[in-house]
Amino acid sequence: MQIDHAMTLLKIEEPEVSAKRITPLLEHALWRLGFRPFYLLAAIFAVVSIPLWIAQYFGWIGMAHVNLFWHMHEMVFGFAIAVIIGFLFTAMRNWTGLWTPRKGHLAALAGLWLAGRLAMLFAPPLLAAVIDLAFLPLAAWPMYRVLQRSGNKRNMFLIVMLALLTIANLSFHAAFNGLIALSPTLAIQAAILLIVTIESLIGARVIPMFTANGAPGTKPIVHMKRDMIALVLMLAASLAWIFGAPAYTTAGCAIAAACAVALRLAGWKPHRTLRIPLLWILHLSYGWIPVGFVLLALAALQVIPASAAFHALTVGSMAGLIIGMMTRTTLGHTGHLLKAGSAELAMYLLIQAGAVARVAASFDLGSLRDTALIVSTLCWAAAFALYVAVYAPYLLRARIDGREG
């Protein structure tokens, strides 16, 4: 009895208590499906990062790491990638019926993404590169596994696209640190064009379907051959720009791509969605893709700055589709009605107004350029701040219909 009593006293109970404390945290609704933490983190980051960059640009603050390359990198590999990963984790759960990262695994990936953002602000460049580069491969691997296990070969192209984005990110860091003779800007432009390609492919799947379901009586035209032509022309224009093809070759490919994408969009009957914000935001944002490629053609001919084309593709198309899909998927996957109210309408209009202002600011407008930059920043920050204010409670609580996810 004395021995048993002594052994009881020698037991160490702290790990068991720690486990009890940790487990409820990882069971929180935030870690139940990928869109929850990554949408929330991306929106908060959007609210902070662009005003931070503009404050540095105008000399209102002094942060050495907040330079043009930081701004370009973080908008693509910080903000946009977080949303893409959150969306794909959620979509692949639906496509395969298998769980993508959740609970501790999902929390660890979200923590790694956050560590990358802090490293890009405060760590030495090489250390920041190592931390930042780790995220995409570690996020892509579980997606590859669920696609492989389910035999879902149709969506394997997304893993290839994520691998190409990883290469673009690696190229950026190598160029920025002087390890290769490449412009860091070119690496970011390649990443933007890759993301626009992903938008085009996924948009061609979901936008006609959402339109048919959400606008009764509408029959969008989906033409596989036309879609393939649009994809090939977009890739040709992108490759011509990245690899420095002759100006008229790049411009010709870009104009052809713009026409093909615009023709595809027209077949989806965007005019039937004018009274349905959850739909018209997707159509309008998709419409920035042909606009961006027309501007890219003009930039290739040195008629306008390349900044105009890439901000049309990022703020207009990318951010527009992101806010449209973030609101839609959050509503759907938290059990709420797929209906946009005044808050959603404000978000959509703010992003579109910000896109127009930012593209305008790419041109030589004299003193109006600074005003356009500030207006675009305020519109951007207000849109995502509104998303955080309205949607954080949805993301932080369990589904109202009691289902998993």
Protein backbone atom coordinates (compact mmCIF):
# COMPACT_ATOMS: atom_id res chain seq x y z
CA MET A 1 0.00 0.00 0.00
CA GLN A 2 2.85 2.37 0.82
CA ILE A 3 4.49 1.57 -2.54
CA ASP A 4 1.22 2.25 -4.42
CA HIS A 5 0.81 5.52 -2.54
CA ALA A 6 4.38 6.56 -3.41
CA MET A 7 3.87 5.70 -7.09
CA THR A 8 0.69 7.80 -7.12
CA LEU A 9 2.58 10.76 -5.74
CA LEU A 10 5.28 10.33 -8.39
CA LYS A 11 2.85 10.50 -11.32
CA ILE A 12 3.23 13.59 -13.50
CA GLU A 13 -0.20 14.93 -14.36
CA GLU A 14 0.75 18.09 -16.31
CA PRO A 15 0.73 16.54 -19.84
CA GLU A 16 -2.77 15.19 -19.26
CA VAL A 17 -3.99 18.59 -18.06
CA SER A 18 -2.28 20.29 -21.04
CA ALA A 19 -3.97 17.89 -23.42
CA LYS A 20 -7.33 18.73 -21.90
CA ARG A 21 -6.60 22.41 -22.38
CA ILE A 22 -5.38 22.05 -25.96
CA THR A 23 -8.03 19.67 -27.29
CA PRO A 24 -11.02 22.05 -26.92
CA LEU A 25 -9.07 24.71 -28.80
CA LEU A 26 -8.52 22.37 -31.73
CA GLU A 27 -12.17 21.29 -31.62
CA HIS A 28 -13.24 24.90 -32.12
CA ALA A 29 -15.42 25.58 -35.16
CA LEU A 30 -12.58 27.62 -36.72
CA TRP A 31 -10.62 24.42 -37.42
CA ARG A 32 -13.46 22.35 -38.90
CA LEU A 33 -12.83 23.15 -42.58
CA GLY A 34 -10.20 25.03 -44.54
CA PHE A 35 -12.20 28.07 -45.58
CA ARG A 36 -12.75 29.16 -41.99
CA PRO A 37 -9.23 30.15 -40.81
CA PHE A 38 -7.84 31.04 -44.23
CA TYR A 39 -10.71 33.33 -45.26
CA LEU A 40 -10.56 35.09 -41.91
CA LEU A 41 -6.77 35.46 -41.94
CA ALA A 42 -6.73 36.61 -45.56
CA ALA A 43 -9.40 39.26 -44.94
CA ILE A 44 -7.65 40.60 -41.85
CA PHE A 45 -4.36 40.66 -43.75
CA ALA A 46 -6.03 42.52 -46.63
CA VAL A 47 -7.31 45.19 -44.23
CA VAL A 48 -3.83 45.74 -42.75
CA SER A 49 -1.37 45.16 -45.61
CA ILE A 50 -2.49 47.60 -48.30
CA PRO A 51 -2.84 50.59 -45.93
CA LEU A 52 0.58 49.64 -44.51
CA TRP A 53 2.11 49.67 -47.99
CA ILE A 54 0.46 52.99 -48.91
CA ALA A 55 1.62 54.56 -45.62
CA GLN A 56 5.19 53.47 -46.44
CA TYR A 57 4.82 54.62 -50.07
CA PHE A 58 3.84 58.14 -49.01
CA GLY A 59 6.54 58.25 -46.34
CA TRP A 60 4.12 58.32 -43.42
CA ILE A 61 5.94 55.43 -41.71
CA GLY A 62 9.44 54.00 -41.93
CA MET A 63 9.54 50.21 -42.34
CA ALA A 64 12.44 49.04 -44.49
CA HIS A 65 10.89 45.69 -45.43
CA VAL A 66 7.63 47.25 -46.60
CA ASN A 67 8.86 48.02 -50.11
CA LEU A 68 7.39 47.49 -53.59
CA PHE A 69 8.61 43.88 -53.76
CA TRP A 70 7.04 43.13 -50.36
CA HIS A 71 3.75 44.60 -51.56
CA MET A 72 3.70 42.57 -54.77
CA HIS A 73 4.75 39.33 -53.09
CA GLU A 74 2.36 39.56 -50.17
CA MET A 75 -0.68 40.36 -52.28
CA VAL A 76 -0.07 37.19 -54.29
CA PHE A 77 1.65 34.72 -51.96
CA GLY A 78 0.12 36.10 -48.77
CA PHE A 79 -3.43 37.23 -49.44
CA ALA A 80 -4.46 35.44 -52.66
CA ILE A 81 -2.79 32.12 -51.82
CA ALA A 82 -4.52 31.98 -48.42
CA VAL A 83 -7.92 32.31 -50.09
CA ILE A 84 -7.04 29.78 -52.80
CA ILE A 85 -5.91 27.19 -50.24
CA GLY A 86 -8.96 27.77 -48.06
CA PHE A 87 -11.24 27.41 -51.08
CA LEU A 88 -9.51 24.27 -52.38
CA PHE A 89 -9.47 22.54 -48.99
CA THR A 90 -13.23 23.12 -48.84
CA ALA A 91 -13.95 22.23 -52.46
CA MET A 92 -11.89 19.03 -52.38
CA ARG A 93 -13.78 17.87 -49.31
CA ASN A 94 -16.95 18.16 -51.44
CA TRP A 95 -15.40 16.69 -54.60
CA THR A 96 -13.90 13.61 -52.94
CA GLY A 97 -15.91 13.01 -49.76
CA LEU A 98 -12.57 12.78 -47.92
CA TRP A 99 -11.37 15.13 -45.22
CA THR A 100 -8.82 17.76 -46.13
CA PRO A 101 -6.77 19.21 -43.22
CA ARG A 102 -8.78 20.08 -40.14
CA LYS A 103 -8.26 20.48 -36.39
CA GLY A 104 -4.56 20.37 -35.47
CA HIS A 105 -3.35 19.87 -39.05
CA LEU A 106 -5.34 22.86 -40.28
CA ALA A 107 -4.23 24.99 -37.32
CA ALA A 108 -0.58 24.14 -38.02
CA LEU A 109 -0.91 25.16 -41.68
CA ALA A 110 -2.64 28.41 -40.72
CA GLY A 111 0.14 29.05 -38.22
CA LEU A 112 2.77 28.43 -40.91
CA TRP A 113 1.04 30.88 -43.25
CA LEU A 114 0.98 33.48 -40.47
CA ALA A 115 4.64 32.81 -39.69
CA GLY A 116 5.43 33.49 -43.34
CA ARG A 117 3.72 36.88 -43.19
CA LEU A 118 5.60 37.86 -40.04
CA ALA A 119 8.88 36.62 -41.50
CA MET A 120 8.40 38.68 -44.66
CA LEU A 121 8.01 41.74 -42.45
CA PHE A 122 10.66 41.20 -39.80
CA ALA A 123 13.05 38.31 -40.60
CA PRO A 124 16.26 38.41 -42.67
CA PRO A 125 15.42 37.77 -46.36
CA LEU A 126 16.86 34.25 -46.60
CA LEU A 127 15.13 33.07 -43.42
CA ALA A 128 11.89 34.69 -44.60
CA ALA A 129 12.25 32.83 -47.90
CA VAL A 130 12.61 29.45 -46.17
CA ILE A 131 9.55 29.97 -43.96
CA ASP A 132 7.43 31.41 -46.76
CA LEU A 133 8.38 28.72 -49.29
CA ALA A 134 7.39 25.90 -46.92
CA PHE A 135 3.70 26.76 -46.95
CA LEU A 136 2.53 25.93 -50.47
CA PRO A 137 4.09 22.43 -50.72
CA LEU A 138 2.82 21.48 -47.26
CA ALA A 139 -0.66 22.74 -48.13
CA ALA A 140 -0.69 21.06 -51.55
CA TRP A 141 0.42 17.62 -50.32
CA PRO A 142 -2.81 16.71 -48.42
CA MET A 143 -4.83 17.87 -51.43
CA TYR A 144 -2.80 15.59 -53.68
CA ARG A 145 -3.40 12.71 -51.24
CA VAL A 146 -7.21 13.08 -51.16
CA LEU A 147 -7.37 13.38 -54.96
CA GLN A 148 -5.17 10.30 -55.32
CA ARG A 149 -7.10 8.23 -52.78
CA SER A 150 -10.44 9.13 -54.36
CA GLY A 151 -9.23 8.55 -57.92
CA ASN A 152 -10.21 12.13 -58.77
CA LYS A 153 -7.84 12.68 -61.70
CA ARG A 154 -9.97 15.48 -63.16
CA ASN A 155 -8.72 17.95 -60.55
CA MET A 156 -5.06 16.91 -60.47
CA PHE A 157 -4.26 19.90 -62.68
CA LEU A 158 -4.74 22.06 -59.59
CA ILE A 159 -1.79 20.35 -57.91
CA VAL A 160 0.28 21.11 -61.01
CA MET A 161 -0.79 24.76 -60.81
CA LEU A 162 0.18 24.92 -57.13
CA ALA A 163 3.56 23.39 -58.01
CA LEU A 164 4.06 26.07 -60.68
CA LEU A 165 3.13 28.75 -58.16
CA THR A 166 5.73 27.31 -55.79
CA ILE A 167 8.35 27.57 -58.56
CA ALA A 168 7.31 31.19 -59.19
CA ASN A 169 7.65 31.93 -55.47
CA LEU A 170 11.06 30.25 -55.36
CA SER A 171 12.11 32.30 -58.39
CA PHE A 172 10.99 35.49 -56.65
CA HIS A 173 13.02 34.78 -53.52
CA ALA A 174 16.06 33.69 -55.52
CA ALA A 175 15.90 36.83 -57.65
CA PHE A 176 15.27 39.12 -54.67
CA ASN A 177 18.29 37.66 -52.85
CA GLY A 178 20.51 37.96 -55.92
CA LEU A 179 20.87 34.22 -56.46
CA ILE A 180 19.61 34.30 -60.06
CA ALA A 181 19.62 36.96 -62.78
CA LEU A 182 15.87 37.54 -62.94
CA SER A 183 13.59 40.44 -62.11
CA PRO A 184 11.53 39.67 -58.98
CA THR A 185 8.70 41.57 -60.67
CA LEU A 186 8.64 39.06 -63.53
CA ALA A 187 8.28 36.18 -61.06
CA ILE A 188 5.28 37.89 -59.46
CA GLN A 189 3.74 38.62 -62.85
CA ALA A 190 4.10 34.93 -63.74
CA ALA A 191 2.33 34.02 -60.49
CA ILE A 192 -0.49 36.48 -61.22
CA LEU A 193 -1.01 35.00 -64.68
CA LEU A 194 -1.05 31.49 -63.17
CA ILE A 195 -3.72 32.54 -60.66
CA VAL A 196 -5.76 34.16 -63.44
CA THR A 197 -5.57 30.83 -65.28
CA ILE A 198 -6.85 29.02 -62.16
CA GLU A 199 -9.66 31.60 -61.89
CA SER A 200 -10.53 31.04 -65.53
CA LEU A 201 -10.67 27.27 -65.18
CA ILE A 202 -12.65 27.15 -61.94
CA GLY A 203 -14.85 30.07 -63.01
CA ALA A 204 -15.77 28.23 -66.20
CA ARG A 205 -17.03 25.36 -64.04
CA VAL A 206 -18.92 27.18 -61.32
CA ILE A 207 -20.18 30.49 -62.72
CA PRO A 208 -22.49 28.95 -65.38
CA MET A 209 -23.75 26.44 -62.79
CA PHE A 210 -24.40 29.14 -60.18
CA THR A 211 -26.12 31.25 -62.84
CA ALA A 212 -28.42 28.45 -63.95
CA ASN A 213 -29.33 27.67 -60.33
CA GLY A 214 -29.61 31.25 -59.08
CA ALA A 215 -31.27 32.99 -62.02
CA PRO A 216 -34.35 30.89 -62.87
CA GLY A 217 -34.93 30.35 -66.58
CA THR A 218 -31.34 31.18 -67.51
CA LYS A 219 -29.48 28.64 -69.64
CA PRO A 220 -25.79 29.58 -69.83
CA ILE A 221 -23.98 28.34 -72.91
CA VAL A 222 -20.98 26.16 -72.07
CA HIS A 223 -18.92 25.16 -75.08
CA MET A 224 -15.98 22.87 -74.30
CA LYS A 225 -14.12 23.60 -77.53
CA ARG A 226 -14.53 27.35 -77.05
CA ASP A 227 -13.32 27.02 -73.45
CA MET A 228 -10.23 25.11 -74.57
CA ILE A 229 -9.42 27.75 -77.19
CA ALA A 230 -9.72 30.49 -74.56
CA LEU A 231 -7.40 28.58 -72.22
CA VAL A 232 -4.78 27.98 -74.92
CA LEU A 233 -4.81 31.64 -75.96
CA MET A 234 -4.50 32.81 -72.34
CA LEU A 235 -1.53 30.50 -71.81
CA ALA A 236 0.05 31.66 -75.08
CA ALA A 237 -0.31 35.33 -74.12
CA SER A 238 1.03 34.66 -70.61
CA LEU A 239 4.06 32.73 -71.87
CA ALA A 240 4.75 35.37 -74.53
CA TRP A 241 4.78 38.09 -71.86
CA ILE A 242 6.90 36.17 -69.36
CA PHE A 243 9.50 35.01 -71.89
CA GLY A 244 9.72 38.33 -73.70
CA ALA A 245 8.34 37.41 -77.12
CA PRO A 246 8.26 40.14 -79.78
CA ALA A 247 5.81 42.89 -78.87
CA TYR A 248 3.37 42.26 -81.71
CA THR A 249 3.33 38.51 -80.97
CA THR A 250 2.49 39.13 -77.31
CA ALA A 251 -0.08 41.78 -78.18
CA GLY A 252 -1.74 39.56 -80.77
CA CYS A 253 -1.99 36.62 -78.36
CA ALA A 254 -3.34 38.88 -75.60
CA ILE A 255 -6.03 40.43 -77.81
CA ALA A 256 -7.06 36.98 -79.07
CA ALA A 257 -7.25 35.71 -75.48
CA ALA A 258 -9.35 38.72 -74.45
CA CYS A 259 -11.81 38.11 -77.29
CA ALA A 260 -12.09 34.39 -76.49
CA VAL A 261 -12.70 34.99 -72.76
CA ALA A 262 -15.23 37.76 -73.49
CA LEU A 263 -17.10 35.48 -75.90
CA ARG A 264 -17.19 32.75 -73.27
CA LEU A 265 -18.50 35.18 -70.64
CA ALA A 266 -21.21 36.48 -72.99
CA GLY A 267 -22.51 32.92 -73.34
CA TRP A 268 -23.09 32.75 -69.58
CA LYS A 269 -25.83 35.40 -69.86
CA PRO A 270 -24.42 37.99 -67.41
CA HIS A 271 -27.33 40.37 -68.16
CA ARG A 272 -29.67 37.89 -66.43
CA THR A 273 -27.83 38.39 -63.11
CA LEU A 274 -28.15 42.17 -62.68
CA ARG A 275 -30.60 41.85 -59.77
CA ILE A 276 -28.67 39.07 -58.03
CA PRO A 277 -25.49 40.44 -56.36
CA LEU A 278 -24.10 36.99 -55.52
CA LEU A 279 -24.06 36.30 -59.27
CA TRP A 280 -23.25 39.62 -60.90
CA ILE A 281 -20.13 40.06 -58.77
CA LEU A 282 -18.76 36.85 -60.30
CA HIS A 283 -19.65 37.85 -63.86
CA LEU A 284 -18.34 41.41 -63.46
CA SER A 285 -15.11 40.24 -61.85
CA TYR A 286 -14.61 37.62 -64.54
CA GLY A 287 -15.10 40.42 -67.06
CA TRP A 288 -11.92 42.07 -65.77
CA ILE A 289 -9.92 39.18 -67.28
CA PRO A 290 -10.49 40.22 -70.92
CA VAL A 291 -9.99 43.85 -69.87
CA GLY A 292 -6.68 42.87 -68.28
CA PHE A 293 -5.52 41.06 -71.41
CA VAL A 294 -6.41 44.03 -73.64
CA LEU A 295 -4.35 46.24 -71.32
CA LEU A 296 -1.56 43.64 -71.41
CA ALA A 297 -1.52 43.90 -75.21
CA LEU A 298 -1.20 47.68 -74.96
CA ALA A 299 1.55 47.31 -72.36
CA ALA A 300 3.45 44.93 -74.66
CA LEU A 301 3.34 47.66 -77.32
CA GLN A 302 4.53 50.15 -74.66
CA VAL A 303 1.40 52.25 -75.05
CA ILE A 304 0.48 52.03 -71.35
CA PRO A 305 2.26 50.93 -68.14
CA ALA A 306 2.19 47.20 -67.36
CA SER A 307 0.91 48.15 -63.90
CA ALA A 308 -2.49 48.98 -65.41
CA ALA A 309 -2.87 45.48 -66.86
CA PHE A 310 -1.75 43.65 -63.74
CA HIS A 311 -3.89 45.73 -61.39
CA ALA A 312 -6.90 45.06 -63.63
CA LEU A 313 -6.15 41.34 -63.25
CA THR A 314 -5.46 41.49 -59.51
CA VAL A 315 -7.76 44.11 -57.98
CA GLY A 316 -10.49 43.83 -60.62
CA SER A 317 -10.60 40.13 -61.40
CA MET A 318 -8.76 38.39 -58.57
CA ALA A 319 -10.07 40.44 -55.64
CA GLY A 320 -13.54 40.66 -57.17
CA LEU A 321 -13.81 36.90 -57.58
CA ILE A 322 -12.27 36.40 -54.13
CA ILE A 323 -14.83 38.59 -52.34
CA GLY A 324 -17.63 37.02 -54.38
CA MET A 325 -16.54 33.46 -53.59
CA MET A 326 -15.63 34.21 -49.96
CA THR A 327 -19.11 35.51 -49.23
CA ARG A 328 -20.86 32.79 -51.23
CA THR A 329 -18.92 29.83 -49.82
CA THR A 330 -19.02 31.16 -46.27
CA LEU A 331 -22.79 31.50 -46.42
CA GLY A 332 -23.24 28.07 -47.99
CA HIS A 333 -20.80 26.18 -45.77
CA THR A 334 -22.07 27.71 -42.53
CA GLY A 335 -25.69 26.80 -43.30
CA HIS A 336 -26.96 30.31 -44.14
CA LEU A 337 -29.14 31.26 -47.09
CA LEU A 338 -27.34 32.11 -50.31
CA LYS A 339 -28.60 35.66 -50.36
CA ALA A 340 -26.65 38.91 -50.45
CA GLY A 341 -27.79 41.77 -48.26
CA SER A 342 -26.69 45.39 -48.01
CA ALA A 343 -23.35 44.45 -46.46
CA GLU A 344 -22.43 42.14 -49.33
CA LEU A 345 -23.56 44.70 -51.89
CA ALA A 346 -21.33 47.30 -50.23
CA MET A 347 -18.34 44.91 -50.31
CA TYR A 348 -18.83 44.20 -54.01
CA LEU A 349 -19.22 47.85 -54.99
CA LEU A 350 -16.21 48.90 -52.90
CA ILE A 351 -13.95 46.33 -54.57
CA GLN A 352 -15.08 47.36 -58.04
CA ALA A 353 -14.67 51.07 -57.27
CA GLY A 354 -11.24 50.33 -55.83
CA ALA A 355 -10.29 48.42 -58.98
CA VAL A 356 -11.23 51.34 -61.24
CA ALA A 357 -9.32 53.78 -59.02
CA ARG A 358 -6.23 51.55 -58.88
CA VAL A 359 -6.09 51.00 -62.64
CA ALA A 360 -6.52 54.76 -63.14
CA ALA A 361 -3.65 55.39 -60.70
CA SER A 362 -1.35 53.39 -63.00
CA PHE A 363 -1.45 56.26 -65.48
CA ASP A 364 0.19 59.68 -65.27
CA LEU A 365 -2.63 61.68 -63.71
CA GLY A 366 -0.46 64.29 -62.03
CA SER A 367 -1.70 65.19 -58.57
CA LEU A 368 -4.81 63.06 -59.09
CA ARG A 369 -2.69 59.89 -59.06
CA ASP A 370 -2.11 60.13 -55.31
CA THR A 371 -5.82 60.71 -54.76
CA ALA A 372 -6.67 57.64 -56.86
CA LEU A 373 -4.20 55.53 -54.84
CA ILE A 374 -5.73 56.63 -51.56
CA VAL A 375 -9.28 56.09 -52.82
CA SER A 376 -8.44 52.58 -54.03
CA THR A 377 -6.80 51.78 -50.69
CA LEU A 378 -9.79 53.01 -48.68
CA CYS A 379 -12.21 51.05 -50.88
CA TRP A 380 -10.11 47.87 -50.57
CA ALA A 381 -9.65 48.12 -46.80
CA ALA A 382 -13.31 48.99 -46.20
CA ALA A 383 -14.53 46.02 -48.28
CA PHE A 384 -12.46 43.47 -46.39
CA ALA A 385 -13.04 45.13 -43.01
CA LEU A 386 -16.76 44.78 -43.69
CA TYR A 387 -16.23 41.10 -44.54
CA VAL A 388 -14.43 40.57 -41.21
CA ALA A 389 -17.13 42.43 -39.26
CA VAL A 390 -20.03 40.53 -40.84
CA TYR A 391 -18.53 37.11 -41.49
CA ALA A 392 -16.15 36.50 -38.57
CA PRO A 393 -19.09 35.34 -36.39
CA TYR A 394 -20.08 32.85 -39.11
CA LEU A 395 -16.52 31.55 -39.40
CA LEU A 396 -16.03 31.25 -35.65
CA ARG A 397 -19.28 29.38 -34.96
CA ALA A 398 -20.51 25.91 -35.88
CA ARG A 399 -22.86 25.50 -38.83
CA ILE A 400 -26.36 26.59 -37.92
CA ASP A 401 -27.80 23.47 -39.57
CA GLY A 402 -25.75 21.15 -37.35
CA ARG A 403 -23.78 19.56 -40.22
CA GLU A 404 -20.04 19.02 -40.16
CA GLY A 405 -17.68 21.55 -41.69
